[in-house]
PDB file of N, CA and C in Angstrom:
ATOM      1  N   MET A   1      25.749 -14.609 -33.279  1.00  0.00           N
ATOM      2  CA  MET A   1      25.609 -15.138 -31.946  1.00  0.00           C
ATOM      3  C   MET A   1      24.311 -14.609 -31.400  1.00  0.00           C
ATOM      4  N   PRO A   2      23.343 -15.502 -30.991  1.00  0.00           N
ATOM      5  CA  PRO A   2      22.117 -15.038 -30.436  1.00  0.00           C
ATOM      6  C   PRO A   2      22.219 -14.445 -29.041  1.00  0.00           C
ATOM      7  N   ARG A   3      21.444 -13.452 -28.783  1.00  0.00           N
ATOM      8  CA  ARG A   3      21.449 -12.834 -27.453  1.00  0.00           C
ATOM      9  C   ARG A   3      20.394 -13.482 -26.588  1.00  0.00           C
ATOM     10  N   ARG A   4      20.774 -13.827 -25.407  1.00  0.00           N
ATOM     11  CA  ARG A   4      19.844 -14.488 -24.455  1.00  0.00           C
ATOM     12  C   ARG A   4      19.614 -13.545 -23.268  1.00  0.00           C
ATOM     13  N   VAL A   5      18.390 -13.398 -22.874  1.00  0.00           N
ATOM     14  CA  VAL A   5      18.095 -12.597 -21.693  1.00  0.00           C
ATOM     15  C   VAL A   5      18.296 -13.421 -20.433  1.00  0.00           C
ATOM     16  N   SER A   6      18.951 -12.791 -19.490  1.00  0.00           N
ATOM     17  CA  SER A   6      19.207 -13.483 -18.221  1.00  0.00           C
ATOM     18  C   SER A   6      18.008 -13.224 -17.280  1.00  0.00           C
ATOM     19  N   LEU A   7      17.316 -14.299 -16.964  1.00  0.00           N
ATOM     20  CA  LEU A   7      16.119 -14.172 -16.080  1.00  0.00           C
ATOM     21  C   LEU A   7      16.440 -14.687 -14.687  1.00  0.00           C
ATOM     22  N   PRO A   8      15.769 -14.215 -13.664  1.00  0.00           N
ATOM     23  CA  PRO A   8      16.021 -14.713 -12.332  1.00  0.00           C
ATOM     24  C   PRO A   8      15.514 -16.147 -12.166  1.00  0.00           C
ATOM     25  N   SER A   9      16.110 -16.903 -11.280  1.00  0.00           N
ATOM     26  CA  SER A   9      15.736 -18.269 -11.056  1.00  0.00           C
ATOM     27  C   SER A   9      14.505 -18.293 -10.135  1.00  0.00           C
ATOM     28  N   ALA A  10      13.867 -19.452 -10.026  1.00  0.00           N
ATOM     29  CA  ALA A  10      12.737 -19.594  -9.147  1.00  0.00           C
ATOM     30  C   ALA A  10      13.066 -19.246  -7.746  1.00  0.00           C
ATOM     31  N   ASP A  11      14.306 -19.648  -7.302  1.00  0.00           N
ATOM     32  CA  ASP A  11      14.747 -19.285  -5.945  1.00  0.00           C
ATOM     33  C   ASP A  11      14.754 -17.800  -5.669  1.00  0.00           C
ATOM     34  N   ASP A  12      15.177 -17.041  -6.679  1.00  0.00           N
ATOM     35  CA  ASP A  12      15.171 -15.596  -6.561  1.00  0.00           C
ATOM     36  C   ASP A  12      13.815 -15.003  -6.541  1.00  0.00           C
ATOM     37  N   LEU A  13      12.900 -15.566  -7.354  1.00  0.00           N
ATOM     38  CA  LEU A  13      11.501 -15.053  -7.408  1.00  0.00           C
ATOM     39  C   LEU A  13      10.722 -15.340  -6.136  1.00  0.00           C
ATOM     40  N   PHE A  14      10.981 -16.482  -5.503  1.00  0.00           N
ATOM     41  CA  PHE A  14      10.178 -16.883  -4.364  1.00  0.00           C
ATOM     42  C   PHE A  14      10.896 -16.950  -3.065  1.00  0.00           C
ATOM     43  N   ARG A  15      11.890 -16.067  -2.931  1.00  0.00           N
ATOM     44  CA  ARG A  15      12.709 -15.978  -1.690  1.00  0.00           C
ATOM     45  C   ARG A  15      11.898 -15.260  -0.668  1.00  0.00           C
ATOM     46  N   PRO A  16      12.096 -15.615   0.571  1.00  0.00           N
ATOM     47  CA  PRO A  16      11.333 -14.933   1.712  1.00  0.00           C
ATOM     48  C   PRO A  16      11.821 -13.444   1.802  1.00  0.00           C
ATOM     49  N   THR A  17      10.869 -12.599   2.188  1.00  0.00           N
ATOM     50  CA  THR A  17      11.233 -11.191   2.328  1.00  0.00           C
ATOM     51  C   THR A  17      11.489 -10.830   3.779  1.00  0.00           C
ATOM     52  N   GLU A  18      11.208 -11.729   4.689  1.00  0.00           N
ATOM     53  CA  GLU A  18      11.485 -11.431   6.119  1.00  0.00           C
ATOM     54  C   GLU A  18      12.960 -11.541   6.393  1.00  0.00           C
ATOM     55  N   GLU A  19      13.406 -10.754   7.327  1.00  0.00           N
ATOM     56  CA  GLU A  19      14.810 -10.838   7.800  1.00  0.00           C
ATOM     57  C   GLU A  19      14.960 -12.116   8.608  1.00  0.00           C
ATOM     58  N   ALA A  20      15.954 -12.865   8.344  1.00  0.00           N
ATOM     59  CA  ALA A  20      16.222 -14.145   9.093  1.00  0.00           C
ATOM     60  C   ALA A  20      16.629 -13.783  10.507  1.00  0.00           C
ATOM     61  N   ALA A  21      16.333 -14.663  11.430  1.00  0.00           N
ATOM     62  CA  ALA A  21      16.735 -14.489  12.831  1.00  0.00           C
ATOM     63  C   ALA A  21      18.296 -14.570  12.866  1.00  0.00           C
ATOM     64  N   GLU A  22      18.876 -13.884  13.836  1.00  0.00           N
ATOM     65  CA  GLU A  22      20.340 -13.854  14.020  1.00  0.00           C
ATOM     66  C   GLU A  22      20.894 -15.226  14.108  1.00  0.00           C
ATOM     67  N   GLY A  23      21.875 -15.578  13.250  1.00  0.00           N
ATOM     68  CA  GLY A  23      22.540 -16.860  13.306  1.00  0.00           C
ATOM     69  C   GLY A  23      21.751 -17.928  12.549  1.00  0.00           C
ATOM     70  N   ALA A  24      20.489 -17.686  12.234  1.00  0.00           N
ATOM     71  CA  ALA A  24      19.692 -18.699  11.517  1.00  0.00           C
ATOM     72  C   ALA A  24      19.815 -18.506  10.007  1.00  0.00           C
ATOM     73  N   PRO A  25      19.744 -19.559   9.285  1.00  0.00           N
ATOM     74  CA  PRO A  25      19.832 -19.408   7.813  1.00  0.00           C
ATOM     75  C   PRO A  25      18.667 -18.640   7.295  1.00  0.00           C
ATOM     76  N   LYS A  26      18.848 -17.959   6.134  1.00  0.00           N
ATOM     77  CA  LYS A  26      17.785 -17.146   5.512  1.00  0.00           C
ATOM     78  C   LYS A  26      16.549 -17.982   5.315  1.00  0.00           C
ATOM     79  N   GLY A  27      15.400 -17.444   5.493  1.00  0.00           N
ATOM     80  CA  GLY A  27      14.128 -18.149   5.294  1.00  0.00           C
ATOM     81  C   GLY A  27      13.650 -18.891   6.487  1.00  0.00           C
ATOM     82  N   SER A  28      14.459 -19.004   7.552  1.00  0.00           N
ATOM     83  CA  SER A  28      13.999 -19.735   8.712  1.00  0.00           C
ATOM     84  C   SER A  28      13.565 -18.796   9.818  1.00  0.00           C
ATOM     85  N   GLY A  29      13.310 -17.517   9.490  1.00  0.00           N
ATOM     86  CA  GLY A  29      12.875 -16.522  10.492  1.00  0.00           C
ATOM     87  C   GLY A  29      11.542 -16.904  11.050  1.00  0.00           C
ATOM     88  N   LYS A  30      11.303 -16.376  12.265  1.00  0.00           N
ATOM     89  CA  LYS A  30      10.058 -16.644  12.921  1.00  0.00           C
ATOM     90  C   LYS A  30       8.892 -16.026  12.132  1.00  0.00           C
ATOM     91  N   PRO A  31       7.793 -16.752  11.928  1.00  0.00           N
ATOM     92  CA  PRO A  31       6.715 -16.139  11.172  1.00  0.00           C
ATOM     93  C   PRO A  31       6.134 -14.943  11.882  1.00  0.00           C
ATOM     94  N   ARG A  32       5.724 -13.922  11.079  1.00  0.00           N
ATOM     95  CA  ARG A  32       5.099 -12.732  11.647  1.00  0.00           C
ATOM     96  C   ARG A  32       3.714 -13.052  12.118  1.00  0.00           C
ATOM     97  N   SER A  33       3.366 -12.450  13.224  1.00  0.00           N
ATOM     98  CA  SER A  33       1.928 -12.568  13.680  1.00  0.00           C
ATOM     99  C   SER A  33       1.148 -11.452  13.057  1.00  0.00           C
ATOM    100  N   VAL A  34      -0.034 -11.770  12.578  1.00  0.00           N
ATOM    101  CA  VAL A  34      -0.900 -10.797  11.963  1.00  0.00           C
ATOM    102  C   VAL A  34      -2.147 -10.755  12.801  1.00  0.00           C
ATOM    103  N   ARG A  35      -2.542  -9.504  13.174  1.00  0.00           N
ATOM    104  CA  ARG A  35      -3.749  -9.353  13.974  1.00  0.00           C
ATOM    105  C   ARG A  35      -4.740  -8.491  13.231  1.00  0.00           C
ATOM    106  N   ALA A  36      -5.985  -8.972  13.269  1.00  0.00           N
ATOM    107  CA  ALA A  36      -7.062  -8.179  12.576  1.00  0.00           C
ATOM    108  C   ALA A  36      -7.445  -6.969  13.371  1.00  0.00           C
ATOM    109  N   VAL A  37      -7.228  -7.034  14.682  1.00  0.00           N
ATOM    110  CA  VAL A  37      -7.580  -5.919  15.602  1.00  0.00           C
ATOM    111  C   VAL A  37      -6.304  -5.454  16.290  1.00  0.00           C
ATOM    112  N   PRO A  38      -5.961  -4.193  16.248  1.00  0.00           N
ATOM    113  CA  PRO A  38      -4.738  -3.712  16.880  1.00  0.00           C
ATOM    114  C   PRO A  38      -4.813  -3.881  18.399  1.00  0.00           C
ATOM    115  N   ASP A  39      -3.613  -4.066  19.008  1.00  0.00           N
ATOM    116  CA  ASP A  39      -3.527  -4.162  20.437  1.00  0.00           C
ATOM    117  C   ASP A  39      -3.911  -2.907  21.173  1.00  0.00           C
ATOM    118  N   ASP A  40      -3.603  -1.784  20.542  1.00  0.00           N
ATOM    119  CA  ASP A  40      -3.811  -0.497  21.155  1.00  0.00           C
ATOM    120  C   ASP A  40      -4.936   0.240  20.343  1.00  0.00           C
ATOM    121  N   ALA A  41      -5.988   0.623  21.025  1.00  0.00           N
ATOM    122  CA  ALA A  41      -7.112   1.269  20.298  1.00  0.00           C
ATOM    123  C   ALA A  41      -6.720   2.565  19.738  1.00  0.00           C
ATOM    124  N   THR A  42      -5.722   3.295  20.242  1.00  0.00           N
ATOM    125  CA  THR A  42      -5.292   4.554  19.665  1.00  0.00           C
ATOM    126  C   THR A  42      -4.570   4.389  18.339  1.00  0.00           C
ATOM    127  N   GLU A  43      -4.195   3.164  18.028  1.00  0.00           N
ATOM    128  CA  GLU A  43      -3.523   2.940  16.745  1.00  0.00           C
ATOM    129  C   GLU A  43      -4.378   3.329  15.527  1.00  0.00           C
ATOM    130  N   THR A  44      -5.665   3.171  15.631  1.00  0.00           N
ATOM    131  CA  THR A  44      -6.489   3.485  14.536  1.00  0.00           C
ATOM    132  C   THR A  44      -7.319   4.779  14.675  1.00  0.00           C
ATOM    133  N   ALA A  45      -6.927   5.560  15.652  1.00  0.00           N
ATOM    134  CA  ALA A  45      -7.639   6.841  15.838  1.00  0.00           C
ATOM    135  C   ALA A  45      -7.379   7.690  14.570  1.00  0.00           C
ATOM    136  N   PRO A  46      -8.382   8.493  14.220  1.00  0.00           N
ATOM    137  CA  PRO A  46      -8.296   9.273  12.996  1.00  0.00           C
ATOM    138  C   PRO A  46      -7.071  10.161  12.913  1.00  0.00           C
ATOM    139  N   ALA A  47      -6.648  10.752  13.996  1.00  0.00           N
ATOM    140  CA  ALA A  47      -5.487  11.601  13.951  1.00  0.00           C
ATOM    141  C   ALA A  47      -4.205  10.785  13.772  1.00  0.00           C
ATOM    142  N   GLN A  48      -4.246   9.494  14.120  1.00  0.00           N
ATOM    143  CA  GLN A  48      -3.095   8.618  14.067  1.00  0.00           C
ATOM    144  C   GLN A  48      -2.924   7.937  12.726  1.00  0.00           C
ATOM    145  N   ARG A  49      -3.973   7.809  11.927  1.00  0.00           N
ATOM    146  CA  ARG A  49      -3.935   7.065  10.681  1.00  0.00           C
ATOM    147  C   ARG A  49      -3.071   7.778   9.649  1.00  0.00           C
ATOM    148  N   ARG A  50      -1.987   7.183   9.307  1.00  0.00           N
ATOM    149  CA  ARG A  50      -1.042   7.760   8.349  1.00  0.00           C
ATOM    150  C   ARG A  50      -0.703   6.647   7.297  1.00  0.00           C
ATOM    151  N   PRO A  51      -0.452   7.065   6.097  1.00  0.00           N
ATOM    152  CA  PRO A  51      -0.030   6.079   5.102  1.00  0.00           C
ATOM    153  C   PRO A  51       1.403   5.649   5.436  1.00  0.00           C
ATOM    154  N   SER A  52       1.813   4.534   4.885  1.00  0.00           N
ATOM    155  CA  SER A  52       3.162   4.056   5.154  1.00  0.00           C
ATOM    156  C   SER A  52       4.249   4.763   4.462  1.00  0.00           C
ATOM    157  N   GLY A  53       3.981   5.465   3.392  1.00  0.00           N
ATOM    158  CA  GLY A  53       5.028   6.294   2.746  1.00  0.00           C
ATOM    159  C   GLY A  53       6.023   5.425   2.025  1.00  0.00           C
ATOM    160  N   ARG A  54       7.266   5.894   2.012  1.00  0.00           N
ATOM    161  CA  ARG A  54       8.300   5.198   1.240  1.00  0.00           C
ATOM    162  C   ARG A  54       9.052   4.170   2.179  1.00  0.00           C
ATOM    163  N   VAL A  55       8.480   3.065   2.325  1.00  0.00           N
ATOM    164  CA  VAL A  55       9.128   1.994   3.083  1.00  0.00           C
ATOM    165  C   VAL A  55       8.967   0.717   2.293  1.00  0.00           C
ATOM    166  N   ARG A  56       9.651  -0.296   2.699  1.00  0.00           N
ATOM    167  CA  ARG A  56       9.510  -1.615   2.007  1.00  0.00           C
ATOM    168  C   ARG A  56       8.193  -2.238   2.516  1.00  0.00           C
ATOM    169  N   HIS A  57       7.332  -2.538   1.593  1.00  0.00           N
ATOM    170  CA  HIS A  57       6.023  -3.116   1.896  1.00  0.00           C
ATOM    171  C   HIS A  57       6.088  -4.627   1.792  1.00  0.00           C
ATOM    172  N   ASP A  58       5.641  -5.366   2.809  1.00  0.00           N
ATOM    173  CA  ASP A  58       5.711  -6.798   2.841  1.00  0.00           C
ATOM    174  C   ASP A  58       4.399  -7.435   2.304  1.00  0.00           C
ATOM    175  N   GLU A  59       3.365  -6.622   2.187  1.00  0.00           N
ATOM    176  CA  GLU A  59       2.065  -7.160   1.730  1.00  0.00           C
ATOM    177  C   GLU A  59       1.722  -6.544   0.418  1.00  0.00           C
ATOM    178  N   LYS A  60       0.972  -7.294  -0.401  1.00  0.00           N
ATOM    179  CA  LYS A  60       0.580  -6.800  -1.703  1.00  0.00           C
ATOM    180  C   LYS A  60      -0.882  -7.070  -1.888  1.00  0.00           C
ATOM    181  N   MET A  61      -1.527  -6.154  -2.574  1.00  0.00           N
ATOM    182  CA  MET A  61      -2.963  -6.301  -2.893  1.00  0.00           C
ATOM    183  C   MET A  61      -3.165  -5.813  -4.294  1.00  0.00           C
ATOM    184  N   THR A  62      -3.824  -6.615  -5.069  1.00  0.00           N
ATOM    185  CA  THR A  62      -4.133  -6.246  -6.471  1.00  0.00           C
ATOM    186  C   THR A  62      -5.461  -5.593  -6.549  1.00  0.00           C
ATOM    187  N   VAL A  63      -5.518  -4.461  -7.197  1.00  0.00           N
ATOM    188  CA  VAL A  63      -6.828  -3.779  -7.351  1.00  0.00           C
ATOM    189  C   VAL A  63      -6.996  -3.456  -8.838  1.00  0.00           C
ATOM    190  N   TYR A  64      -8.093  -3.833  -9.407  1.00  0.00           N
ATOM    191  CA  TYR A  64      -8.350  -3.517 -10.795  1.00  0.00           C
ATOM    192  C   TYR A  64      -9.112  -2.235 -10.878  1.00  0.00           C
ATOM    193  N   VAL A  65      -8.676  -1.367 -11.811  1.00  0.00           N
ATOM    194  CA  VAL A  65      -9.353  -0.111 -12.054  1.00  0.00           C
ATOM    195  C   VAL A  65      -9.649   0.025 -13.501  1.00  0.00           C
ATOM    196  N   THR A  66     -10.603   0.865 -13.832  1.00  0.00           N
ATOM    197  CA  THR A  66     -10.955   1.140 -15.259  1.00  0.00           C
ATOM    198  C   THR A  66      -9.861   1.997 -15.882  1.00  0.00           C
ATOM    199  N   ALA A  67      -9.864   2.108 -17.182  1.00  0.00           N
ATOM    200  CA  ALA A  67      -8.912   2.974 -17.894  1.00  0.00           C
ATOM    201  C   ALA A  67      -9.091   4.381 -17.466  1.00  0.00           C
ATOM    202  N   GLU A  68     -10.336   4.833 -17.231  1.00  0.00           N
ATOM    203  CA  GLU A  68     -10.614   6.180 -16.844  1.00  0.00           C
ATOM    204  C   GLU A  68     -10.024   6.481 -15.412  1.00  0.00           C
ATOM    205  N   GLU A  69     -10.217   5.491 -14.499  1.00  0.00           N
ATOM    206  CA  GLU A  69      -9.650   5.678 -13.173  1.00  0.00           C
ATOM    207  C   GLU A  69      -8.133   5.784 -13.183  1.00  0.00           C
ATOM    208  N   LEU A  70      -7.551   4.910 -13.968  1.00  0.00           N
ATOM    209  CA  LEU A  70      -6.085   4.890 -14.071  1.00  0.00           C
ATOM    210  C   LEU A  70      -5.582   6.170 -14.694  1.00  0.00           C
ATOM    211  N   LEU A  71      -6.274   6.714 -15.683  1.00  0.00           N
ATOM    212  CA  LEU A  71      -5.884   8.037 -16.221  1.00  0.00           C
ATOM    213  C   LEU A  71      -6.005   9.175 -15.212  1.00  0.00           C
ATOM    214  N   SER A  72      -7.056   9.063 -14.398  1.00  0.00           N
ATOM    215  CA  SER A  72      -7.255  10.077 -13.327  1.00  0.00           C
ATOM    216  C   SER A  72      -6.138  10.022 -12.328  1.00  0.00           C
ATOM    217  N   ILE A  73      -5.760   8.824 -11.916  1.00  0.00           N
ATOM    218  CA  ILE A  73      -4.630   8.658 -10.957  1.00  0.00           C
ATOM    219  C   ILE A  73      -3.367   9.238 -11.602  1.00  0.00           C
ATOM    220  N   GLU A  74      -3.119   8.842 -12.839  1.00  0.00           N
ATOM    221  CA  GLU A  74      -1.893   9.328 -13.528  1.00  0.00           C
ATOM    222  C   GLU A  74      -1.866  10.811 -13.749  1.00  0.00           C
ATOM    223  N   HIS A  75      -3.047  11.401 -14.046  1.00  0.00           N
ATOM    224  CA  HIS A  75      -3.196  12.831 -14.234  1.00  0.00           C
ATOM    225  C   HIS A  75      -2.908  13.550 -12.925  1.00  0.00           C
ATOM    226  N   THR A  76      -3.450  13.028 -11.833  1.00  0.00           N
ATOM    227  CA  THR A  76      -3.211  13.601 -10.500  1.00  0.00           C
ATOM    228  C   THR A  76      -1.789  13.522 -10.116  1.00  0.00           C
ATOM    229  N   ARG A  77      -1.153  12.395 -10.365  1.00  0.00           N
ATOM    230  CA  ARG A  77       0.289  12.216 -10.103  1.00  0.00           C
ATOM    231  C   ARG A  77       1.127  13.250 -10.846  1.00  0.00           C
ATOM    232  N   LEU A  78       0.838  13.467 -12.131  1.00  0.00           N
ATOM    233  CA  LEU A  78       1.567  14.403 -12.932  1.00  0.00           C
ATOM    234  C   LEU A  78       1.317  15.867 -12.515  1.00  0.00           C
ATOM    235  N   THR A  79       0.102  16.146 -12.089  1.00  0.00           N
ATOM    236  CA  THR A  79      -0.240  17.471 -11.630  1.00  0.00           C
ATOM    237  C   THR A  79       0.398  17.782 -10.304  1.00  0.00           C
ATOM    238  N   LEU A  80       0.466  16.776  -9.425  1.00  0.00           N
ATOM    239  CA  LEU A  80       1.217  16.970  -8.180  1.00  0.00           C
ATOM    240  C   LEU A  80       2.666  17.312  -8.443  1.00  0.00           C
ATOM    241  N   ARG A  81       3.265  16.659  -9.444  1.00  0.00           N
ATOM    242  CA  ARG A  81       4.644  16.899  -9.773  1.00  0.00           C
ATOM    243  C   ARG A  81       4.765  18.300 -10.412  1.00  0.00           C
ATOM    244  N   ALA A  82       3.978  18.621 -11.397  1.00  0.00           N
ATOM    245  CA  ALA A  82       4.116  19.897 -12.114  1.00  0.00           C
ATOM    246  C   ALA A  82       3.777  21.129 -11.275  1.00  0.00           C
ATOM    247  N   SER A  83       2.668  20.981 -10.510  1.00  0.00           N
ATOM    248  CA  SER A  83       2.197  22.150  -9.760  1.00  0.00           C
ATOM    249  C   SER A  83       2.747  22.330  -8.370  1.00  0.00           C
ATOM    250  N   HIS A  84       3.092  21.164  -7.774  1.00  0.00           N
ATOM    251  CA  HIS A  84       3.500  21.224  -6.375  1.00  0.00           C
ATOM    252  C   HIS A  84       4.919  20.688  -6.131  1.00  0.00           C
ATOM    253  N   GLY A  85       5.569  20.203  -7.172  1.00  0.00           N
ATOM    254  CA  GLY A  85       6.928  19.684  -6.999  1.00  0.00           C
ATOM    255  C   GLY A  85       6.971  18.372  -6.234  1.00  0.00           C
ATOM    256  N   LEU A  86       5.881  17.632  -6.207  1.00  0.00           N
ATOM    257  CA  LEU A  86       5.811  16.412  -5.436  1.00  0.00           C
ATOM    258  C   LEU A  86       5.938  15.203  -6.400  1.00  0.00           C
ATOM    259  N   ALA A  87       7.099  14.521  -6.395  1.00  0.00           N
ATOM    260  CA  ALA A  87       7.231  13.343  -7.237  1.00  0.00           C
ATOM    261  C   ALA A  87       6.905  12.142  -6.493  1.00  0.00           C
ATOM    262  N   VAL A  88       5.647  11.622  -6.695  1.00  0.00           N
ATOM    263  CA  VAL A  88       5.179  10.445  -6.010  1.00  0.00           C
ATOM    264  C   VAL A  88       4.804   9.413  -7.080  1.00  0.00           C
ATOM    265  N   ASP A  89       4.863   8.124  -6.683  1.00  0.00           N
ATOM    266  CA  ASP A  89       4.434   7.130  -7.546  1.00  0.00           C
ATOM    267  C   ASP A  89       2.955   6.815  -7.351  1.00  0.00           C
ATOM    268  N   ARG A  90       2.355   6.031  -8.260  1.00  0.00           N
ATOM    269  CA  ARG A  90       0.954   5.694  -8.112  1.00  0.00           C
ATOM    270  C   ARG A  90       0.597   4.983  -6.810  1.00  0.00           C
ATOM    271  N   GLY A  91       1.511   4.103  -6.365  1.00  0.00           N
ATOM    272  CA  GLY A  91       1.267   3.404  -5.165  1.00  0.00           C
ATOM    273  C   GLY A  91       1.161   4.307  -3.909  1.00  0.00           C
ATOM    274  N   ARG A  92       2.081   5.224  -3.868  1.00  0.00           N
ATOM    275  CA  ARG A  92       2.048   6.214  -2.731  1.00  0.00           C
ATOM    276  C   ARG A  92       0.797   7.093  -2.831  1.00  0.00           C
ATOM    277  N   LEU A  93       0.453   7.480  -4.006  1.00  0.00           N
ATOM    278  CA  LEU A  93      -0.748   8.303  -4.184  1.00  0.00           C
ATOM    279  C   LEU A  93      -2.018   7.546  -3.686  1.00  0.00           C
ATOM    280  N   VAL A  94      -2.104   6.287  -4.061  1.00  0.00           N
ATOM    281  CA  VAL A  94      -3.258   5.470  -3.592  1.00  0.00           C
ATOM    282  C   VAL A  94      -3.210   5.197  -2.136  1.00  0.00           C
ATOM    283  N   ARG A  95      -2.012   4.972  -1.536  1.00  0.00           N
ATOM    284  CA  ARG A  95      -1.935   4.728  -0.068  1.00  0.00           C
ATOM    285  C   ARG A  95      -2.347   6.036   0.656  1.00  0.00           C
ATOM    286  N   GLU A  96      -1.960   7.208   0.145  1.00  0.00           N
ATOM    287  CA  GLU A  96      -2.349   8.513   0.806  1.00  0.00           C
ATOM    288  C   GLU A  96      -3.871   8.636   0.714  1.00  0.00           C
ATOM    289  N   ALA A  97      -4.388   8.370  -0.425  1.00  0.00           N
ATOM    290  CA  ALA A  97      -5.893   8.535  -0.608  1.00  0.00           C
ATOM    291  C   ALA A  97      -6.629   7.604   0.324  1.00  0.00           C
ATOM    292  N   LEU A  98      -6.122   6.384   0.428  1.00  0.00           N
ATOM    293  CA  LEU A  98      -6.757   5.342   1.300  1.00  0.00           C
ATOM    294  C   LEU A  98      -6.654   5.788   2.723  1.00  0.00           C
ATOM    295  N   ALA A  99      -5.516   6.337   3.161  1.00  0.00           N
ATOM    296  CA  ALA A  99      -5.367   6.815   4.562  1.00  0.00           C
ATOM    297  C   ALA A  99      -6.386   7.921   4.824  1.00  0.00           C
ATOM    298  N   LEU A 100      -6.572   8.807   3.877  1.00  0.00           N
ATOM    299  CA  LEU A 100      -7.518   9.930   4.076  1.00  0.00           C
ATOM    300  C   LEU A 100      -8.924   9.426   4.207  1.00  0.00           C
ATOM    301  N   VAL A 101      -9.345   8.483   3.361  1.00  0.00           N
ATOM    302  CA  VAL A 101     -10.711   7.927   3.423  1.00  0.00           C
ATOM    303  C   VAL A 101     -10.925   7.185   4.654  1.00  0.00           C
ATOM    304  N   LEU A 102      -9.979   6.368   5.079  1.00  0.00           N
ATOM    305  CA  LEU A 102     -10.151   5.590   6.270  1.00  0.00           C
ATOM    306  C   LEU A 102     -10.155   6.442   7.561  1.00  0.00           C
ATOM    307  N   ALA A 103      -9.357   7.494   7.572  1.00  0.00           N
ATOM    308  CA  ALA A 103      -9.383   8.432   8.699  1.00  0.00           C
ATOM    309  C   ALA A 103     -10.714   9.159   8.807  1.00  0.00           C
ATOM    310  N   GLU A 104     -11.246   9.558   7.657  1.00  0.00           N
ATOM    311  CA  GLU A 104     -12.569  10.200   7.610  1.00  0.00           C
ATOM    312  C   GLU A 104     -13.636   9.247   8.070  1.00  0.00           C
ATOM    313  N   TYR A 105     -13.533   8.001   7.676  1.00  0.00           N
ATOM    314  CA  TYR A 105     -14.470   6.956   8.162  1.00  0.00           C
ATOM    315  C   TYR A 105     -14.374   6.769   9.658  1.00  0.00           C
ATOM    316  N   ASP A 106     -13.193   6.666  10.174  1.00  0.00           N
ATOM    317  CA  ASP A 106     -12.962   6.524  11.642  1.00  0.00           C
ATOM    318  C   ASP A 106     -13.563   7.657  12.357  1.00  0.00           C
ATOM    319  N   ALA A 107     -13.501   8.872  11.832  1.00  0.00           N
ATOM    320  CA  ALA A 107     -13.951  10.049  12.536  1.00  0.00           C
ATOM    321  C   ALA A 107     -15.496  10.161  12.434  1.00  0.00           C
ATOM    322  N   ASN A 108     -16.103   9.796  11.256  1.00  0.00           N
ATOM    323  CA  ASN A 108     -17.487  10.085  11.054  1.00  0.00           C
ATOM    324  C   ASN A 108     -18.405   8.828  10.947  1.00  0.00           C
ATOM    325  N   GLY A 109     -17.811   7.646  10.897  1.00  0.00           N
ATOM    326  CA  GLY A 109     -18.621   6.426  10.869  1.00  0.00           C
ATOM    327  C   GLY A 109     -19.671   6.382   9.810  1.00  0.00           C
ATOM    328  N   ALA A 110     -20.928   6.222  10.254  1.00  0.00           N
ATOM    329  CA  ALA A 110     -22.085   6.105   9.297  1.00  0.00           C
ATOM    330  C   ALA A 110     -22.311   7.392   8.487  1.00  0.00           C
ATOM    331  N   ASP A 111     -21.793   8.519   8.980  1.00  0.00           N
ATOM    332  CA  ASP A 111     -21.970   9.788   8.236  1.00  0.00           C
ATOM    333  C   ASP A 111     -20.807  10.092   7.333  1.00  0.00           C
ATOM    334  N   SER A 112     -19.917   9.115   7.175  1.00  0.00           N
ATOM    335  CA  SER A 112     -18.725   9.319   6.322  1.00  0.00           C
ATOM    336  C   SER A 112     -19.064   9.282   4.852  1.00  0.00           C
ATOM    337  N   ALA A 113     -18.215   9.910   4.063  1.00  0.00           N
ATOM    338  CA  ALA A 113     -18.376   9.914   2.608  1.00  0.00           C
ATOM    339  C   ALA A 113     -18.267   8.497   2.061  1.00  0.00           C
ATOM    340  N   LEU A 114     -17.419   7.699   2.675  1.00  0.00           N
ATOM    341  CA  LEU A 114     -17.284   6.291   2.263  1.00  0.00           C
ATOM    342  C   LEU A 114     -18.567   5.529   2.311  1.00  0.00           C
ATOM    343  N   VAL A 115     -19.270   5.659   3.473  1.00  0.00           N
ATOM    344  CA  VAL A 115     -20.502   4.963   3.657  1.00  0.00           C
ATOM    345  C   VAL A 115     -21.559   5.460   2.675  1.00  0.00           C
ATOM    346  N   ARG A 116     -21.631   6.766   2.520  1.00  0.00           N
ATOM    347  CA  ARG A 116     -22.608   7.358   1.600  1.00  0.00           C
ATOM    348  C   ARG A 116     -22.371   6.840   0.191  1.00  0.00           C
ATOM    349  N   ARG A 117     -21.101   6.870  -0.292  1.00  0.00           N
ATOM    350  CA  ARG A 117     -20.835   6.468  -1.634  1.00  0.00           C
ATOM    351  C   ARG A 117     -21.081   4.983  -1.885  1.00  0.00           C
ATOM    352  N   LEU A 118     -20.718   4.178  -0.864  1.00  0.00           N
ATOM    353  CA  LEU A 118     -20.993   2.760  -1.044  1.00  0.00           C
ATOM    354  C   LEU A 118     -22.481   2.394  -0.987  1.00  0.00           C
ATOM    355  N   ALA A 119     -23.237   3.198  -0.218  1.00  0.00           N
ATOM    356  CA  ALA A 119     -24.680   2.942  -0.150  1.00  0.00           C
ATOM    357  C   ALA A 119     -25.402   3.413  -1.423  1.00  0.00           C
ATOM    358  N   GLU A 120     -24.831   4.314  -2.172  1.00  0.00           N
ATOM    359  CA  GLU A 120     -25.359   4.794  -3.503  1.00  0.00           C
ATOM    360  C   GLU A 120     -25.295   3.700  -4.553  1.00  0.00           C
ATOM    361  N   GLY A 121     -24.230   2.929  -4.464  1.00  0.00           N
ATOM    362  CA  GLY A 121     -23.930   2.165  -5.522  1.00  0.00           C
ATOM    363  C   GLY A 121     -24.069   0.788  -5.797  1.00  0.00           C
TER     364      GLY A 121
END
């Protein structure tokens, strides 16, 4: 008897991730509003910029890295676990690094390491 793998249906793969409004059927929730500029200027202050941590993320971004960059990320992740007892996944590590870089950019602007490195290359 051949074994068949059970795969999710298209409905499962493309289901909405937003919570439906109360009493409304799933998928009919009010669309989220997305703003390029925050309503409150203090939202992006350097001291306020924090990574999202372990929460459900609604947005996805694909970033391509070299094999060397991926090995560096993985080495750092394993070192954090072995030396500091911090079990983090690659996504959280990248979000933390991104928060640090963006906070430093917010604080230093044109004098930031981000601007210097991008100008070099």
